[in-house]
Amino acid sequence: MLGDLDSLELKVKNYFKEKGVDFKKFPERKNETDTQLCIHLAKGLGVVDIDLLGALGGRIDHTIANINLMYYIKN
């Protein structure tokens, strides 16, 4: 898991830790969204396809940012 993990419940975090999932925590105050961090990581790993799930629901600021990120991925 990657991000500031500010909305991750402890029981969920513990569940994934027990499954051996690695966590990379970033500060809550940063210039990138968690989604943007994931896209940059994927690009660095040479990932060809990216699926964004739930990217257009919830907060309007995140929705707009994710639309811009989809344009970035496309190019």
C-alpha atoms as a PDB file:
ATOM      1  CA  MET A   1       0.000   0.000   0.000  1.00  0.00           C
ATOM      2  CA  LEU A   2       1.184   3.423  -0.882  1.00  0.00           C
ATOM      3  CA  GLY A   3       0.096   6.848   0.322  1.00  0.00           C
ATOM      4  CA  ASP A   4      -0.358   8.872   3.458  1.00  0.00           C
ATOM      5  CA  LEU A   5      -2.708   6.134   4.754  1.00  0.00           C
ATOM      6  CA  ASP A   6      -4.715   8.780   6.609  1.00  0.00           C
ATOM      7  CA  SER A   7      -8.043   7.053   5.966  1.00  0.00           C
ATOM      8  CA  LEU A   8      -6.841   3.484   6.521  1.00  0.00           C
ATOM      9  CA  GLU A   9      -8.483   1.815   9.505  1.00  0.00           C
ATOM     10  CA  LEU A  10      -6.165  -0.076  11.848  1.00  0.00           C
ATOM     11  CA  LYS A  11      -8.027  -3.382  11.419  1.00  0.00           C
ATOM     12  CA  VAL A  12      -7.682  -3.104   7.624  1.00  0.00           C
ATOM     13  CA  LYS A  13      -3.984  -2.242   7.935  1.00  0.00           C
ATOM     14  CA  ASN A  14      -3.412  -5.212  10.237  1.00  0.00           C
ATOM     15  CA  TYR A  15      -5.275  -7.537   7.860  1.00  0.00           C
ATOM     16  CA  PHE A  16      -3.029  -6.614   4.945  1.00  0.00           C
ATOM     17  CA  LYS A  17       0.129  -6.694   7.070  1.00  0.00           C
ATOM     18  CA  GLU A  18      -0.741 -10.281   8.043  1.00  0.00           C
ATOM     19  CA  LYS A  19      -1.016 -11.054   4.300  1.00  0.00           C
ATOM     20  CA  GLY A  20       2.522  -9.735   3.749  1.00  0.00           C
ATOM     21  CA  VAL A  21       1.576  -6.513   1.974  1.00  0.00           C
ATOM     22  CA  ASP A  22       4.323  -3.883   2.016  1.00  0.00           C
ATOM     23  CA  PHE A  23       3.437  -0.363   3.137  1.00  0.00           C
ATOM     24  CA  LYS A  24       5.109   2.813   1.927  1.00  0.00           C
ATOM     25  CA  LYS A  25       3.841   5.748   3.984  1.00  0.00           C
ATOM     26  CA  PHE A  26       4.144   9.351   2.838  1.00  0.00           C
ATOM     27  CA  PRO A  27       3.483  12.496   4.885  1.00  0.00           C
ATOM     28  CA  GLU A  28      -0.092  13.799   4.842  1.00  0.00           C
ATOM     29  CA  ARG A  29       1.223  17.177   3.688  1.00  0.00           C
ATOM     30  CA  LYS A  30       2.643  16.539   0.235  1.00  0.00           C
ATOM     31  CA  ASN A  31       2.344  17.918  -3.282  1.00  0.00           C
ATOM     32  CA  GLU A  32       0.983  14.701  -4.827  1.00  0.00           C
ATOM     33  CA  THR A  33      -2.240  12.824  -4.252  1.00  0.00           C
ATOM     34  CA  ASP A  34      -2.009   9.165  -3.249  1.00  0.00           C
ATOM     35  CA  THR A  35      -3.250   8.224  -6.715  1.00  0.00           C
ATOM     36  CA  GLN A  36      -0.527  10.305  -8.320  1.00  0.00           C
ATOM     37  CA  LEU A  37       2.109   8.595  -6.169  1.00  0.00           C
ATOM     38  CA  CYS A  38       0.814   5.199  -7.314  1.00  0.00           C
ATOM     39  CA  ILE A  39       0.905   6.219 -10.974  1.00  0.00           C
ATOM     40  CA  HIS A  40       4.489   7.444 -10.683  1.00  0.00           C
ATOM     41  CA  LEU A  41       5.477   4.190  -8.974  1.00  0.00           C
ATOM     42  CA  ALA A  42       3.745   2.140 -11.687  1.00  0.00           C
ATOM     43  CA  LYS A  43       5.502   4.138 -14.402  1.00  0.00           C
ATOM     44  CA  GLY A  44       8.850   3.561 -12.701  1.00  0.00           C
ATOM     45  CA  LEU A  45       8.138  -0.182 -12.586  1.00  0.00           C
ATOM     46  CA  GLY A  46       7.344  -0.235 -16.302  1.00  0.00           C
ATOM     47  CA  VAL A  47       3.644  -1.003 -15.879  1.00  0.00           C
ATOM     48  CA  VAL A  48       1.782  -0.861 -19.200  1.00  0.00           C
ATOM     49  CA  ASP A  49      -1.874  -0.868 -18.060  1.00  0.00           C
ATOM     50  CA  ILE A  50      -3.383   0.983 -15.100  1.00  0.00           C
ATOM     51  CA  ASP A  51      -6.951   0.568 -13.866  1.00  0.00           C
ATOM     52  CA  LEU A  52      -8.403   3.247 -11.599  1.00  0.00           C
ATOM     53  CA  LEU A  53     -11.308   2.034  -9.470  1.00  0.00           C
ATOM     54  CA  GLY A  54     -13.548   4.498  -7.667  1.00  0.00           C
ATOM     55  CA  ALA A  55     -11.643   7.448  -9.111  1.00  0.00           C
ATOM     56  CA  LEU A  56     -14.696   9.565  -9.930  1.00  0.00           C
ATOM     57  CA  GLY A  57     -16.734   9.310  -6.746  1.00  0.00           C
ATOM     58  CA  GLY A  58     -16.558  11.155  -3.471  1.00  0.00           C
ATOM     59  CA  ARG A  59     -14.724  14.448  -3.170  1.00  0.00           C
ATOM     60  CA  ILE A  60     -14.932  16.795  -6.151  1.00  0.00           C
ATOM     61  CA  ASP A  61     -11.290  17.911  -5.763  1.00  0.00           C
ATOM     62  CA  HIS A  62     -10.122  14.287  -5.977  1.00  0.00           C
ATOM     63  CA  THR A  63     -12.451  13.621  -8.922  1.00  0.00           C
ATOM     64  CA  ILE A  64     -10.991  16.542 -10.885  1.00  0.00           C
ATOM     65  CA  ALA A  65      -7.439  15.540  -9.981  1.00  0.00           C
ATOM     66  CA  ASN A  66      -8.111  11.962 -11.085  1.00  0.00           C
ATOM     67  CA  ILE A  67      -9.562  13.098 -14.423  1.00  0.00           C
ATOM     68  CA  ASN A  68      -6.332  15.030 -14.984  1.00  0.00           C
ATOM     69  CA  LEU A  69      -4.322  11.947 -13.993  1.00  0.00           C
ATOM     70  CA  MET A  70      -6.225   9.840 -16.532  1.00  0.00           C
ATOM     71  CA  TYR A  71      -5.213  12.336 -19.196  1.00  0.00           C
ATOM     72  CA  TYR A  72      -1.598  12.073 -17.947  1.00  0.00           C
ATOM     73  CA  ILE A  73      -1.739   8.265 -18.136  1.00  0.00           C
ATOM     74  CA  LYS A  74      -3.178   8.399 -21.660  1.00  0.00           C
ATOM     75  CA  ASN A  75      -0.260  10.512 -22.859  1.00  0.00           C
END
